[in-house]
């Protein structure tokens, strides 16, 4: 049974709350940069909302796509779901900033605009100058989770509950490798592990 057929409005509400919480957190970072309201004993609210969002996304992804009969149809569906709104907002922001700077190359080398077209400029901005202006870095991670989901699905079938411990160990190792960090903010492998945890929770 697909997610559409057994849709839980509670899950949808939880994702909306997480998305709104992330927006509020980033707004408060600009307005109240040193406020203790942004953190708690073991972390910050932004990271918590991000991880819960990825956990729910992994859960919903499997309910919606327990099987992938056609990779072409799967990726087409995911692109149409994720990218058009981003491209529309990005184009408006890009034109505005380009006019303000009197140049189209304000974000670095023109070739890096490909990262913006792919929706991963926020993720790549931790490694090189990009044209990153809208969205959040986790948009890039969401795209990567969608890209690798067919592989994750095959690993689910082969490894069952063992996939999550393996992903967790890889995430802990990756925490020690600067390459996987985005400006020392979030670790991509850790986000993958949380995404996988959402799927693993469904196993009986």
C-alpha atoms as a PDB file:
ATOM      1  CA  UNK A   1       0.000   0.000   0.000  1.00  0.00           C
ATOM      2  CA  UNK A   2       1.466   3.333  -1.008  1.00  0.00           C
ATOM      3  CA  UNK A   3       1.680   6.418   1.146  1.00  0.00           C
ATOM      4  CA  UNK A   4      -0.975   8.112  -1.014  1.00  0.00           C
ATOM      5  CA  UNK A   5      -3.382   5.296  -0.265  1.00  0.00           C
ATOM      6  CA  UNK A   6      -2.729   5.331   3.471  1.00  0.00           C
ATOM      7  CA  UNK A   7      -1.828   8.976   3.912  1.00  0.00           C
ATOM      8  CA  UNK A   8      -1.261  10.151   7.452  1.00  0.00           C
ATOM      9  CA  UNK A   9      -2.047  13.793   8.019  1.00  0.00           C
ATOM     10  CA  UNK A  10      -0.049  13.563  11.236  1.00  0.00           C
ATOM     11  CA  UNK A  11       3.097  12.795   9.228  1.00  0.00           C
ATOM     12  CA  UNK A  12       2.369  15.653   6.837  1.00  0.00           C
ATOM     13  CA  UNK A  13       1.852  18.001   9.769  1.00  0.00           C
ATOM     14  CA  UNK A  14       5.117  16.870  11.359  1.00  0.00           C
ATOM     15  CA  UNK A  15       7.030  17.667   8.160  1.00  0.00           C
ATOM     16  CA  UNK A  16       5.385  21.076   7.941  1.00  0.00           C
ATOM     17  CA  UNK A  17       6.305  21.794  11.566  1.00  0.00           C
ATOM     18  CA  UNK A  18       9.917  20.775  10.904  1.00  0.00           C
ATOM     19  CA  UNK A  19      10.152  22.898   7.753  1.00  0.00           C
ATOM     20  CA  UNK A  20       8.643  25.884   9.562  1.00  0.00           C
ATOM     21  CA  UNK A  21      10.942  25.312  12.539  1.00  0.00           C
ATOM     22  CA  UNK A  22      13.990  25.368  10.266  1.00  0.00           C
ATOM     23  CA  UNK A  23      12.848  28.652   8.690  1.00  0.00           C
ATOM     24  CA  UNK A  24      12.251  30.225  12.098  1.00  0.00           C
ATOM     25  CA  UNK A  25      15.610  28.993  13.357  1.00  0.00           C
ATOM     26  CA  UNK A  26      17.475  30.607  10.458  1.00  0.00           C
ATOM     27  CA  UNK A  27      15.543  33.835  10.859  1.00  0.00           C
ATOM     28  CA  UNK A  28      16.414  33.939  14.555  1.00  0.00           C
ATOM     29  CA  UNK A  29      20.080  33.253  13.754  1.00  0.00           C
ATOM     30  CA  UNK A  30      20.121  36.574  11.910  1.00  0.00           C
ATOM     31  CA  UNK A  31      17.922  38.469  14.354  1.00  0.00           C
ATOM     32  CA  UNK A  32      19.172  36.947  17.632  1.00  0.00           C
ATOM     33  CA  UNK A  33      22.532  35.410  16.825  1.00  0.00           C
ATOM     34  CA  UNK A  34      23.643  34.911  20.442  1.00  0.00           C
ATOM     35  CA  UNK A  35      20.275  34.041  21.919  1.00  0.00           C
ATOM     36  CA  UNK A  36      20.190  30.998  24.242  1.00  0.00           C
ATOM     37  CA  UNK A  37      16.791  30.210  22.713  1.00  0.00           C
ATOM     38  CA  UNK A  38      18.583  28.781  19.676  1.00  0.00           C
ATOM     39  CA  UNK A  39      20.268  25.970  21.584  1.00  0.00           C
ATOM     40  CA  UNK A  40      19.616  23.331  24.200  1.00  0.00           C
ATOM     41  CA  UNK A  41      21.945  21.192  26.306  1.00  0.00           C
ATOM     42  CA  UNK A  42      23.197  18.884  23.552  1.00  0.00           C
ATOM     43  CA  UNK A  43      22.676  20.832  20.339  1.00  0.00           C
ATOM     44  CA  UNK A  44      20.550  23.409  18.568  1.00  0.00           C
ATOM     45  CA  UNK A  45      16.953  23.458  17.429  1.00  0.00           C
ATOM     46  CA  UNK A  46      17.864  23.839  13.767  1.00  0.00           C
ATOM     47  CA  UNK A  47      19.768  20.552  13.732  1.00  0.00           C
ATOM     48  CA  UNK A  48      16.971  18.793  15.605  1.00  0.00           C
ATOM     49  CA  UNK A  49      14.349  19.920  13.095  1.00  0.00           C
ATOM     50  CA  UNK A  50      16.619  18.909  10.201  1.00  0.00           C
ATOM     51  CA  UNK A  51      17.184  15.401  11.546  1.00  0.00           C
ATOM     52  CA  UNK A  52      13.492  14.833  12.299  1.00  0.00           C
ATOM     53  CA  UNK A  53      12.691  16.061   8.778  1.00  0.00           C
ATOM     54  CA  UNK A  54      15.112  13.527   7.252  1.00  0.00           C
ATOM     55  CA  UNK A  55      13.775  10.761   9.493  1.00  0.00           C
ATOM     56  CA  UNK A  56      10.213  11.427   8.344  1.00  0.00           C
ATOM     57  CA  UNK A  57      11.355  11.775   4.723  1.00  0.00           C
ATOM     58  CA  UNK A  58      12.932   8.313   4.800  1.00  0.00           C
ATOM     59  CA  UNK A  59       9.749   6.890   6.296  1.00  0.00           C
ATOM     60  CA  UNK A  60       7.450   8.541   3.750  1.00  0.00           C
ATOM     61  CA  UNK A  61       9.751   7.745   0.824  1.00  0.00           C
ATOM     62  CA  UNK A  62       9.479   4.025   1.475  1.00  0.00           C
ATOM     63  CA  UNK A  63       5.719   4.134   2.023  1.00  0.00           C
ATOM     64  CA  UNK A  64       5.404   5.932  -1.319  1.00  0.00           C
ATOM     65  CA  UNK A  65       7.994   3.838  -3.164  1.00  0.00           C
ATOM     66  CA  UNK A  66       8.369   0.337  -1.636  1.00  0.00           C
ATOM     67  CA  UNK A  67       9.401  -0.791  -5.124  1.00  0.00           C
ATOM     68  CA  UNK A  68      10.815   0.981  -8.173  1.00  0.00           C
ATOM     69  CA  UNK A  69       9.624  -0.683 -11.376  1.00  0.00           C
ATOM     70  CA  UNK A  70      11.158   2.073 -13.520  1.00  0.00           C
ATOM     71  CA  UNK A  71      14.139   4.221 -12.589  1.00  0.00           C
ATOM     72  CA  UNK A  72      13.212   6.662 -15.339  1.00  0.00           C
ATOM     73  CA  UNK A  73       9.703   7.174 -13.960  1.00  0.00           C
ATOM     74  CA  UNK A  74      10.981   7.383 -10.384  1.00  0.00           C
ATOM     75  CA  UNK A  75      13.548  10.095 -11.126  1.00  0.00           C
ATOM     76  CA  UNK A  76      11.130  11.997 -13.337  1.00  0.00           C
ATOM     77  CA  UNK A  77       8.603  12.038 -10.519  1.00  0.00           C
ATOM     78  CA  UNK A  78      11.177  13.190  -7.969  1.00  0.00           C
ATOM     79  CA  UNK A  79      12.510  15.958 -10.240  1.00  0.00           C
ATOM     80  CA  UNK A  80       9.013  17.289 -10.882  1.00  0.00           C
ATOM     81  CA  UNK A  81       8.298  17.211  -7.163  1.00  0.00           C
ATOM     82  CA  UNK A  82      11.476  18.912  -5.966  1.00  0.00           C
ATOM     83  CA  UNK A  83      12.854  21.186  -8.648  1.00  0.00           C
ATOM     84  CA  UNK A  84      10.298  23.455 -10.428  1.00  0.00           C
ATOM     85  CA  UNK A  85       9.507  25.617  -7.388  1.00  0.00           C
ATOM     86  CA  UNK A  86      13.196  25.886  -6.556  1.00  0.00           C
ATOM     87  CA  UNK A  87      14.094  26.901 -10.118  1.00  0.00           C
ATOM     88  CA  UNK A  88      11.351  29.539 -10.184  1.00  0.00           C
ATOM     89  CA  UNK A  89      12.419  31.144  -6.905  1.00  0.00           C
ATOM     90  CA  UNK A  90      16.089  30.853  -7.782  1.00  0.00           C
ATOM     91  CA  UNK A  91      15.697  32.567 -11.156  1.00  0.00           C
ATOM     92  CA  UNK A  92      14.018  35.595  -9.560  1.00  0.00           C
ATOM     93  CA  UNK A  93      16.721  35.849  -6.882  1.00  0.00           C
ATOM     94  CA  UNK A  94      19.533  35.348  -9.414  1.00  0.00           C
ATOM     95  CA  UNK A  95      18.271  38.149 -11.658  1.00  0.00           C
ATOM     96  CA  UNK A  96      17.841  40.478  -8.689  1.00  0.00           C
ATOM     97  CA  UNK A  97      21.352  39.889  -7.342  1.00  0.00           C
ATOM     98  CA  UNK A  98      22.935  40.005 -10.808  1.00  0.00           C
ATOM     99  CA  UNK A  99      21.339  43.383 -11.492  1.00  0.00           C
ATOM    100  CA  UNK A 100      22.489  44.644  -8.102  1.00  0.00           C
ATOM    101  CA  UNK A 101      26.067  43.525  -8.751  1.00  0.00           C
ATOM    102  CA  UNK A 102      26.092  44.516 -12.450  1.00  0.00           C
ATOM    103  CA  UNK A 103      27.537  41.108 -13.350  1.00  0.00           C
ATOM    104  CA  UNK A 104      26.427  37.528 -13.927  1.00  0.00           C
ATOM    105  CA  UNK A 105      29.574  36.047 -12.378  1.00  0.00           C
ATOM    106  CA  UNK A 106      29.165  37.327  -8.818  1.00  0.00           C
ATOM    107  CA  UNK A 107      29.117  33.777  -7.401  1.00  0.00           C
ATOM    108  CA  UNK A 108      32.477  32.645  -8.724  1.00  0.00           C
ATOM    109  CA  UNK A 109      33.302  30.792 -11.898  1.00  0.00           C
ATOM    110  CA  UNK A 110      30.367  30.717 -14.369  1.00  0.00           C
ATOM    111  CA  UNK A 111      30.695  26.931 -14.654  1.00  0.00           C
ATOM    112  CA  UNK A 112      29.565  26.494 -11.037  1.00  0.00           C
ATOM    113  CA  UNK A 113      26.067  27.641 -12.011  1.00  0.00           C
ATOM    114  CA  UNK A 114      25.504  23.964 -12.819  1.00  0.00           C
ATOM    115  CA  UNK A 115      25.358  23.311  -9.077  1.00  0.00           C
ATOM    116  CA  UNK A 116      22.467  25.789  -8.820  1.00  0.00           C
ATOM    117  CA  UNK A 117      20.638  24.152 -11.721  1.00  0.00           C
ATOM    118  CA  UNK A 118      21.016  20.790  -9.972  1.00  0.00           C
ATOM    119  CA  UNK A 119      19.872  22.268  -6.647  1.00  0.00           C
ATOM    120  CA  UNK A 120      23.068  21.391  -4.786  1.00  0.00           C
ATOM    121  CA  UNK A 121      24.753  24.809  -4.706  1.00  0.00           C
ATOM    122  CA  UNK A 122      24.021  25.174  -0.981  1.00  0.00           C
ATOM    123  CA  UNK A 123      25.671  21.836  -0.297  1.00  0.00           C
ATOM    124  CA  UNK A 124      28.684  22.630  -2.499  1.00  0.00           C
ATOM    125  CA  UNK A 125      29.128  26.126  -1.045  1.00  0.00           C
ATOM    126  CA  UNK A 126      31.059  24.595   1.829  1.00  0.00           C
ATOM    127  CA  UNK A 127      33.761  23.499  -0.602  1.00  0.00           C
ATOM    128  CA  UNK A 128      33.956  26.227  -3.264  1.00  0.00           C
ATOM    129  CA  UNK A 129      32.375  29.538  -4.300  1.00  0.00           C
ATOM    130  CA  UNK A 130      28.923  28.933  -5.786  1.00  0.00           C
ATOM    131  CA  UNK A 131      25.845  30.903  -6.788  1.00  0.00           C
ATOM    132  CA  UNK A 132      24.080  29.842  -3.612  1.00  0.00           C
ATOM    133  CA  UNK A 133      21.321  32.311  -2.733  1.00  0.00           C
ATOM    134  CA  UNK A 134      18.074  30.479  -1.935  1.00  0.00           C
ATOM    135  CA  UNK A 135      17.034  27.282  -0.244  1.00  0.00           C
ATOM    136  CA  UNK A 136      19.122  25.596   2.401  1.00  0.00           C
ATOM    137  CA  UNK A 137      22.088  23.288   2.220  1.00  0.00           C
ATOM    138  CA  UNK A 138      19.803  20.389   3.133  1.00  0.00           C
ATOM    139  CA  UNK A 139      18.002  20.774  -0.201  1.00  0.00           C
ATOM    140  CA  UNK A 140      21.167  19.311  -1.703  1.00  0.00           C
ATOM    141  CA  UNK A 141      21.111  16.453   0.797  1.00  0.00           C
ATOM    142  CA  UNK A 142      17.435  15.790   0.062  1.00  0.00           C
ATOM    143  CA  UNK A 143      18.309  15.581  -3.625  1.00  0.00           C
ATOM    144  CA  UNK A 144      21.152  13.169  -2.854  1.00  0.00           C
ATOM    145  CA  UNK A 145      18.829  11.027  -0.724  1.00  0.00           C
ATOM    146  CA  UNK A 146      16.425  10.833  -3.670  1.00  0.00           C
ATOM    147  CA  UNK A 147      19.280  10.090  -6.054  1.00  0.00           C
ATOM    148  CA  UNK A 148      20.614   7.233  -3.952  1.00  0.00           C
ATOM    149  CA  UNK A 149      17.233   5.908  -2.799  1.00  0.00           C
ATOM    150  CA  UNK A 150      17.117   3.059  -5.379  1.00  0.00           C
ATOM    151  CA  UNK A 151      20.509   1.914  -4.053  1.00  0.00           C
ATOM    152  CA  UNK A 152      19.311   2.247  -0.467  1.00  0.00           C
ATOM    153  CA  UNK A 153      16.244   0.183  -1.362  1.00  0.00           C
ATOM    154  CA  UNK A 154      18.396  -2.654  -2.707  1.00  0.00           C
ATOM    155  CA  UNK A 155      20.562  -2.532   0.411  1.00  0.00           C
ATOM    156  CA  UNK A 156      17.401  -2.636   2.568  1.00  0.00           C
ATOM    157  CA  UNK A 157      16.368  -5.892   0.886  1.00  0.00           C
ATOM    158  CA  UNK A 158      19.789  -7.482   1.337  1.00  0.00           C
ATOM    159  CA  UNK A 159      20.783  -6.207   4.788  1.00  0.00           C
ATOM    160  CA  UNK A 160      17.439  -5.606   6.536  1.00  0.00           C
ATOM    161  CA  UNK A 161      17.994  -4.176  10.017  1.00  0.00           C
ATOM    162  CA  UNK A 162      21.781  -4.353   9.608  1.00  0.00           C
ATOM    163  CA  UNK A 163      21.826  -1.449   7.176  1.00  0.00           C
ATOM    164  CA  UNK A 164      21.134   1.117   9.887  1.00  0.00           C
ATOM    165  CA  UNK A 165      24.019   0.038  12.179  1.00  0.00           C
ATOM    166  CA  UNK A 166      26.386   0.031   9.208  1.00  0.00           C
ATOM    167  CA  UNK A 167      25.162   3.469   8.121  1.00  0.00           C
ATOM    168  CA  UNK A 168      25.552   4.680  11.703  1.00  0.00           C
ATOM    169  CA  UNK A 169      29.147   3.471  11.906  1.00  0.00           C
ATOM    170  CA  UNK A 170      29.966   5.118   8.568  1.00  0.00           C
ATOM    171  CA  UNK A 171      28.376   8.342   9.831  1.00  0.00           C
ATOM    172  CA  UNK A 172      30.504   8.289  12.993  1.00  0.00           C
ATOM    173  CA  UNK A 173      33.629   7.726  10.891  1.00  0.00           C
ATOM    174  CA  UNK A 174      32.581  10.523   8.538  1.00  0.00           C
ATOM    175  CA  UNK A 175      32.256  12.893  11.505  1.00  0.00           C
ATOM    176  CA  UNK A 176      36.044  12.734  11.731  1.00  0.00           C
ATOM    177  CA  UNK A 177      36.499  13.578   8.038  1.00  0.00           C
ATOM    178  CA  UNK A 178      36.159  17.299   7.228  1.00  0.00           C
ATOM    179  CA  UNK A 179      35.179  16.583   3.620  1.00  0.00           C
ATOM    180  CA  UNK A 180      31.748  15.348   4.695  1.00  0.00           C
ATOM    181  CA  UNK A 181      30.977  18.460   6.732  1.00  0.00           C
ATOM    182  CA  UNK A 182      29.298  21.545   5.367  1.00  0.00           C
ATOM    183  CA  UNK A 183      31.174  24.429   6.984  1.00  0.00           C
ATOM    184  CA  UNK A 184      31.403  22.327  10.156  1.00  0.00           C
ATOM    185  CA  UNK A 185      27.612  22.514  10.376  1.00  0.00           C
ATOM    186  CA  UNK A 186      26.063  19.214   9.358  1.00  0.00           C
ATOM    187  CA  UNK A 187      27.478  15.936   8.162  1.00  0.00           C
ATOM    188  CA  UNK A 188      26.079  14.482   4.939  1.00  0.00           C
ATOM    189  CA  UNK A 189      26.683  10.861   5.965  1.00  0.00           C
ATOM    190  CA  UNK A 190      24.887  11.465   9.251  1.00  0.00           C
ATOM    191  CA  UNK A 191      21.885  12.792   7.328  1.00  0.00           C
ATOM    192  CA  UNK A 192      21.948   9.652   5.159  1.00  0.00           C
ATOM    193  CA  UNK A 193      21.922   7.504   8.298  1.00  0.00           C
ATOM    194  CA  UNK A 194      18.922   9.381   9.700  1.00  0.00           C
ATOM    195  CA  UNK A 195      17.114   9.059   6.357  1.00  0.00           C
ATOM    196  CA  UNK A 196      17.796   5.309   6.379  1.00  0.00           C
ATOM    197  CA  UNK A 197      16.550   5.098   9.973  1.00  0.00           C
ATOM    198  CA  UNK A 198      13.152   6.314   8.783  1.00  0.00           C
ATOM    199  CA  UNK A 199      12.916   3.299   6.467  1.00  0.00           C
ATOM    200  CA  UNK A 200      14.284   0.829   9.008  1.00  0.00           C
ATOM    201  CA  UNK A 201      11.543   1.786  11.458  1.00  0.00           C
ATOM    202  CA  UNK A 202       8.961   0.205   9.125  1.00  0.00           C
ATOM    203  CA  UNK A 203      10.550  -3.242   9.285  1.00  0.00           C
ATOM    204  CA  UNK A 204       8.649  -5.827  11.249  1.00  0.00           C
END
